[in-house]
């Protein structure tokens, strides 16, 4: 299978999706990474930033900058934990909640176009494979980080 180029194709697809969504998000004053955060929060309101970073596999500093900007623009709310003042629970604000259907429609449009030549059976087979591959990648990355005794940058709330 040319497994050595698999990452190349995944990267191309991801960058093109980001470019497509960037055009949508730009009209709302947000960057392309914001749409992933908003979609995640739509399903996981009240999570901490650490949980968000861990589950999405992203750097805490990137998330902090994005969350501060989205909070300033009225898309999310960060509420400080009463038990631990270093932690924040994250919630969609009304403006963020209203943007979710727009993002979902844009993603449906994008993936509809990308997958238009694929029979439904192949599409149904692809998603669980990609999800499994993503989980495996997170696991391998976590194991490597633990073996090296490194901090992955997502230890802040």
C-alpha atoms as a PDB file:
ATOM      1  CA  UNK A   1       0.000   0.000   0.000  1.00  0.00           C
ATOM      2  CA  UNK A   2       2.527   2.874  -0.146  1.00  0.00           C
ATOM      3  CA  UNK A   3       1.999   3.409   3.572  1.00  0.00           C
ATOM      4  CA  UNK A   4       4.869   5.892   3.637  1.00  0.00           C
ATOM      5  CA  UNK A   5       2.785   8.439   1.718  1.00  0.00           C
ATOM      6  CA  UNK A   6      -0.417   7.993   3.707  1.00  0.00           C
ATOM      7  CA  UNK A   7       0.438  10.967   5.935  1.00  0.00           C
ATOM      8  CA  UNK A   8       1.007  13.093   2.859  1.00  0.00           C
ATOM      9  CA  UNK A   9      -2.529  12.461   1.602  1.00  0.00           C
ATOM     10  CA  UNK A  10      -4.097  12.961   5.021  1.00  0.00           C
ATOM     11  CA  UNK A  11      -2.209  16.242   5.337  1.00  0.00           C
ATOM     12  CA  UNK A  12      -3.329  17.443   1.889  1.00  0.00           C
ATOM     13  CA  UNK A  13      -6.967  16.672   2.690  1.00  0.00           C
ATOM     14  CA  UNK A  14      -6.711  18.411   6.057  1.00  0.00           C
ATOM     15  CA  UNK A  15      -5.063  21.546   4.636  1.00  0.00           C
ATOM     16  CA  UNK A  16      -7.664  21.793   1.855  1.00  0.00           C
ATOM     17  CA  UNK A  17     -10.508  21.385   4.320  1.00  0.00           C
ATOM     18  CA  UNK A  18      -8.968  24.118   6.468  1.00  0.00           C
ATOM     19  CA  UNK A  19      -8.645  26.417   3.479  1.00  0.00           C
ATOM     20  CA  UNK A  20     -12.299  25.827   2.583  1.00  0.00           C
ATOM     21  CA  UNK A  21     -13.504  26.426   6.151  1.00  0.00           C
ATOM     22  CA  UNK A  22     -11.211  29.412   6.571  1.00  0.00           C
ATOM     23  CA  UNK A  23     -13.259  31.230   3.938  1.00  0.00           C
ATOM     24  CA  UNK A  24     -16.428  30.517   5.934  1.00  0.00           C
ATOM     25  CA  UNK A  25     -14.922  31.493   9.286  1.00  0.00           C
ATOM     26  CA  UNK A  26     -13.289  34.643   7.938  1.00  0.00           C
ATOM     27  CA  UNK A  27     -16.650  36.338   7.512  1.00  0.00           C
ATOM     28  CA  UNK A  28     -17.193  35.830  11.264  1.00  0.00           C
ATOM     29  CA  UNK A  29     -13.773  37.206  12.203  1.00  0.00           C
ATOM     30  CA  UNK A  30     -12.423  33.788  13.182  1.00  0.00           C
ATOM     31  CA  UNK A  31      -9.599  31.622  11.891  1.00  0.00           C
ATOM     32  CA  UNK A  32      -9.873  28.111  10.545  1.00  0.00           C
ATOM     33  CA  UNK A  33      -8.874  26.411  13.809  1.00  0.00           C
ATOM     34  CA  UNK A  34     -11.856  27.971  15.566  1.00  0.00           C
ATOM     35  CA  UNK A  35     -14.393  25.785  13.809  1.00  0.00           C
ATOM     36  CA  UNK A  36     -12.957  22.609  15.333  1.00  0.00           C
ATOM     37  CA  UNK A  37     -13.047  24.124  18.818  1.00  0.00           C
ATOM     38  CA  UNK A  38     -16.639  25.279  18.380  1.00  0.00           C
ATOM     39  CA  UNK A  39     -17.783  21.896  17.071  1.00  0.00           C
ATOM     40  CA  UNK A  40     -16.026  20.143  19.944  1.00  0.00           C
ATOM     41  CA  UNK A  41     -17.657  22.439  22.499  1.00  0.00           C
ATOM     42  CA  UNK A  42     -21.065  21.889  20.916  1.00  0.00           C
ATOM     43  CA  UNK A  43     -20.769  18.247  22.010  1.00  0.00           C
ATOM     44  CA  UNK A  44     -18.674  18.738  25.168  1.00  0.00           C
ATOM     45  CA  UNK A  45     -19.824  21.920  26.884  1.00  0.00           C
ATOM     46  CA  UNK A  46     -18.378  22.372  30.340  1.00  0.00           C
ATOM     47  CA  UNK A  47     -15.147  20.540  29.537  1.00  0.00           C
ATOM     48  CA  UNK A  48     -11.841  22.003  30.626  1.00  0.00           C
ATOM     49  CA  UNK A  49      -9.301  23.334  28.186  1.00  0.00           C
ATOM     50  CA  UNK A  50      -6.999  20.472  29.147  1.00  0.00           C
ATOM     51  CA  UNK A  51      -9.686  17.943  28.179  1.00  0.00           C
ATOM     52  CA  UNK A  52     -10.302  19.766  24.896  1.00  0.00           C
ATOM     53  CA  UNK A  53      -6.580  19.748  24.039  1.00  0.00           C
ATOM     54  CA  UNK A  54      -6.125  16.121  25.006  1.00  0.00           C
ATOM     55  CA  UNK A  55      -9.103  14.870  23.024  1.00  0.00           C
ATOM     56  CA  UNK A  56      -8.359  17.034  19.990  1.00  0.00           C
ATOM     57  CA  UNK A  57      -4.604  16.399  20.107  1.00  0.00           C
ATOM     58  CA  UNK A  58      -3.664  20.070  20.071  1.00  0.00           C
ATOM     59  CA  UNK A  59      -1.198  22.278  21.869  1.00  0.00           C
ATOM     60  CA  UNK A  60      -2.456  24.143  24.926  1.00  0.00           C
ATOM     61  CA  UNK A  61      -0.942  27.464  23.824  1.00  0.00           C
ATOM     62  CA  UNK A  62      -2.837  27.355  20.519  1.00  0.00           C
ATOM     63  CA  UNK A  63      -6.076  26.583  22.341  1.00  0.00           C
ATOM     64  CA  UNK A  64      -5.510  29.358  24.881  1.00  0.00           C
ATOM     65  CA  UNK A  65      -5.013  31.991  22.173  1.00  0.00           C
ATOM     66  CA  UNK A  66      -8.048  30.789  20.235  1.00  0.00           C
ATOM     67  CA  UNK A  67     -10.279  30.592  23.304  1.00  0.00           C
ATOM     68  CA  UNK A  68      -9.317  34.095  24.424  1.00  0.00           C
ATOM     69  CA  UNK A  69     -10.105  35.483  20.974  1.00  0.00           C
ATOM     70  CA  UNK A  70     -13.401  33.594  20.724  1.00  0.00           C
ATOM     71  CA  UNK A  71     -14.331  34.727  24.233  1.00  0.00           C
ATOM     72  CA  UNK A  72     -13.560  38.340  23.337  1.00  0.00           C
ATOM     73  CA  UNK A  73     -15.682  38.030  20.177  1.00  0.00           C
ATOM     74  CA  UNK A  74     -18.601  36.486  22.123  1.00  0.00           C
ATOM     75  CA  UNK A  75     -18.453  32.920  20.746  1.00  0.00           C
ATOM     76  CA  UNK A  76     -17.412  31.113  23.948  1.00  0.00           C
ATOM     77  CA  UNK A  77     -17.447  31.629  27.705  1.00  0.00           C
ATOM     78  CA  UNK A  78     -14.697  30.499  30.033  1.00  0.00           C
ATOM     79  CA  UNK A  79     -15.892  30.046  33.597  1.00  0.00           C
ATOM     80  CA  UNK A  80     -13.290  29.662  36.328  1.00  0.00           C
ATOM     81  CA  UNK A  81     -13.636  26.553  38.458  1.00  0.00           C
ATOM     82  CA  UNK A  82     -14.647  27.175  42.061  1.00  0.00           C
ATOM     83  CA  UNK A  83     -12.572  24.168  43.171  1.00  0.00           C
ATOM     84  CA  UNK A  84      -9.387  25.109  41.289  1.00  0.00           C
ATOM     85  CA  UNK A  85      -8.900  28.691  40.101  1.00  0.00           C
ATOM     86  CA  UNK A  86      -6.393  27.506  37.469  1.00  0.00           C
ATOM     87  CA  UNK A  87      -9.120  25.604  35.612  1.00  0.00           C
ATOM     88  CA  UNK A  88     -11.774  26.956  33.287  1.00  0.00           C
ATOM     89  CA  UNK A  89     -14.919  25.246  32.065  1.00  0.00           C
ATOM     90  CA  UNK A  90     -15.673  26.096  28.433  1.00  0.00           C
ATOM     91  CA  UNK A  91     -19.123  26.841  27.044  1.00  0.00           C
ATOM     92  CA  UNK A  92     -20.562  28.101  23.779  1.00  0.00           C
ATOM     93  CA  UNK A  93     -22.103  31.538  23.977  1.00  0.00           C
ATOM     94  CA  UNK A  94     -25.203  32.421  21.932  1.00  0.00           C
ATOM     95  CA  UNK A  95     -23.087  33.681  19.052  1.00  0.00           C
ATOM     96  CA  UNK A  96     -21.066  30.448  19.028  1.00  0.00           C
ATOM     97  CA  UNK A  97     -24.172  28.307  19.260  1.00  0.00           C
ATOM     98  CA  UNK A  98     -25.668  30.144  16.265  1.00  0.00           C
ATOM     99  CA  UNK A  99     -22.515  29.453  14.235  1.00  0.00           C
ATOM    100  CA  UNK A 100     -22.660  25.657  14.686  1.00  0.00           C
ATOM    101  CA  UNK A 101     -25.263  25.039  11.923  1.00  0.00           C
ATOM    102  CA  UNK A 102     -23.263  27.264   9.553  1.00  0.00           C
ATOM    103  CA  UNK A 103     -20.095  25.254  10.197  1.00  0.00           C
ATOM    104  CA  UNK A 104     -21.902  21.937   9.852  1.00  0.00           C
ATOM    105  CA  UNK A 105     -23.466  23.019   6.563  1.00  0.00           C
ATOM    106  CA  UNK A 106     -20.072  24.124   5.224  1.00  0.00           C
ATOM    107  CA  UNK A 107     -18.525  20.788   6.237  1.00  0.00           C
ATOM    108  CA  UNK A 108     -21.399  18.848   4.665  1.00  0.00           C
ATOM    109  CA  UNK A 109     -20.881  20.829   1.467  1.00  0.00           C
ATOM    110  CA  UNK A 110     -17.103  20.273   1.487  1.00  0.00           C
ATOM    111  CA  UNK A 111     -17.232  16.544   2.211  1.00  0.00           C
ATOM    112  CA  UNK A 112     -20.166  16.057  -0.150  1.00  0.00           C
ATOM    113  CA  UNK A 113     -18.016  17.430  -2.959  1.00  0.00           C
ATOM    114  CA  UNK A 114     -14.886  15.527  -1.925  1.00  0.00           C
ATOM    115  CA  UNK A 115     -16.712  12.197  -1.597  1.00  0.00           C
ATOM    116  CA  UNK A 116     -19.164  12.588  -4.478  1.00  0.00           C
ATOM    117  CA  UNK A 117     -17.446   9.887  -6.536  1.00  0.00           C
ATOM    118  CA  UNK A 118     -17.371   7.395  -3.665  1.00  0.00           C
ATOM    119  CA  UNK A 119     -20.217   4.885  -3.301  1.00  0.00           C
ATOM    120  CA  UNK A 120     -22.076   5.128   0.017  1.00  0.00           C
ATOM    121  CA  UNK A 121     -20.660   1.753   1.156  1.00  0.00           C
ATOM    122  CA  UNK A 122     -17.114   3.121   0.827  1.00  0.00           C
ATOM    123  CA  UNK A 123     -18.048   6.296   2.674  1.00  0.00           C
ATOM    124  CA  UNK A 124     -19.615   4.262   5.485  1.00  0.00           C
ATOM    125  CA  UNK A 125     -16.460   2.126   5.681  1.00  0.00           C
ATOM    126  CA  UNK A 126     -14.054   5.088   5.640  1.00  0.00           C
ATOM    127  CA  UNK A 127     -15.166   7.008   8.734  1.00  0.00           C
ATOM    128  CA  UNK A 128     -14.686   4.204  11.296  1.00  0.00           C
ATOM    129  CA  UNK A 129     -11.267   3.459   9.772  1.00  0.00           C
ATOM    130  CA  UNK A 130     -10.178   7.067  10.034  1.00  0.00           C
ATOM    131  CA  UNK A 131     -11.523   7.316  13.575  1.00  0.00           C
ATOM    132  CA  UNK A 132      -9.618   4.178  14.571  1.00  0.00           C
ATOM    133  CA  UNK A 133      -6.451   5.482  12.902  1.00  0.00           C
ATOM    134  CA  UNK A 134      -6.812   8.786  14.761  1.00  0.00           C
ATOM    135  CA  UNK A 135      -7.191   7.000  18.110  1.00  0.00           C
ATOM    136  CA  UNK A 136      -4.141   4.847  17.354  1.00  0.00           C
ATOM    137  CA  UNK A 137      -2.122   7.936  16.464  1.00  0.00           C
ATOM    138  CA  UNK A 138      -3.080   9.578  19.765  1.00  0.00           C
ATOM    139  CA  UNK A 139      -2.116   6.432  21.648  1.00  0.00           C
ATOM    140  CA  UNK A 140       1.268   6.128  19.924  1.00  0.00           C
ATOM    141  CA  UNK A 141       1.955   9.808  20.545  1.00  0.00           C
ATOM    142  CA  UNK A 142       0.972   9.533  24.220  1.00  0.00           C
ATOM    143  CA  UNK A 143       3.175   6.470  24.694  1.00  0.00           C
ATOM    144  CA  UNK A 144       6.131   8.239  23.092  1.00  0.00           C
ATOM    145  CA  UNK A 145       5.610  11.273  25.309  1.00  0.00           C
ATOM    146  CA  UNK A 146       5.423   9.094  28.435  1.00  0.00           C
ATOM    147  CA  UNK A 147       8.526   7.095  27.456  1.00  0.00           C
ATOM    148  CA  UNK A 148      10.526  10.277  27.012  1.00  0.00           C
ATOM    149  CA  UNK A 149       9.126  11.758  30.198  1.00  0.00           C
ATOM    150  CA  UNK A 150       8.075  14.798  28.215  1.00  0.00           C
ATOM    151  CA  UNK A 151       5.273  17.212  28.848  1.00  0.00           C
ATOM    152  CA  UNK A 152       3.011  17.398  25.795  1.00  0.00           C
ATOM    153  CA  UNK A 153       2.052  21.017  26.473  1.00  0.00           C
ATOM    154  CA  UNK A 154      -1.478  20.202  27.534  1.00  0.00           C
ATOM    155  CA  UNK A 155      -1.098  20.178  31.285  1.00  0.00           C
ATOM    156  CA  UNK A 156      -2.666  23.587  31.855  1.00  0.00           C
ATOM    157  CA  UNK A 157      -6.340  24.242  32.228  1.00  0.00           C
END
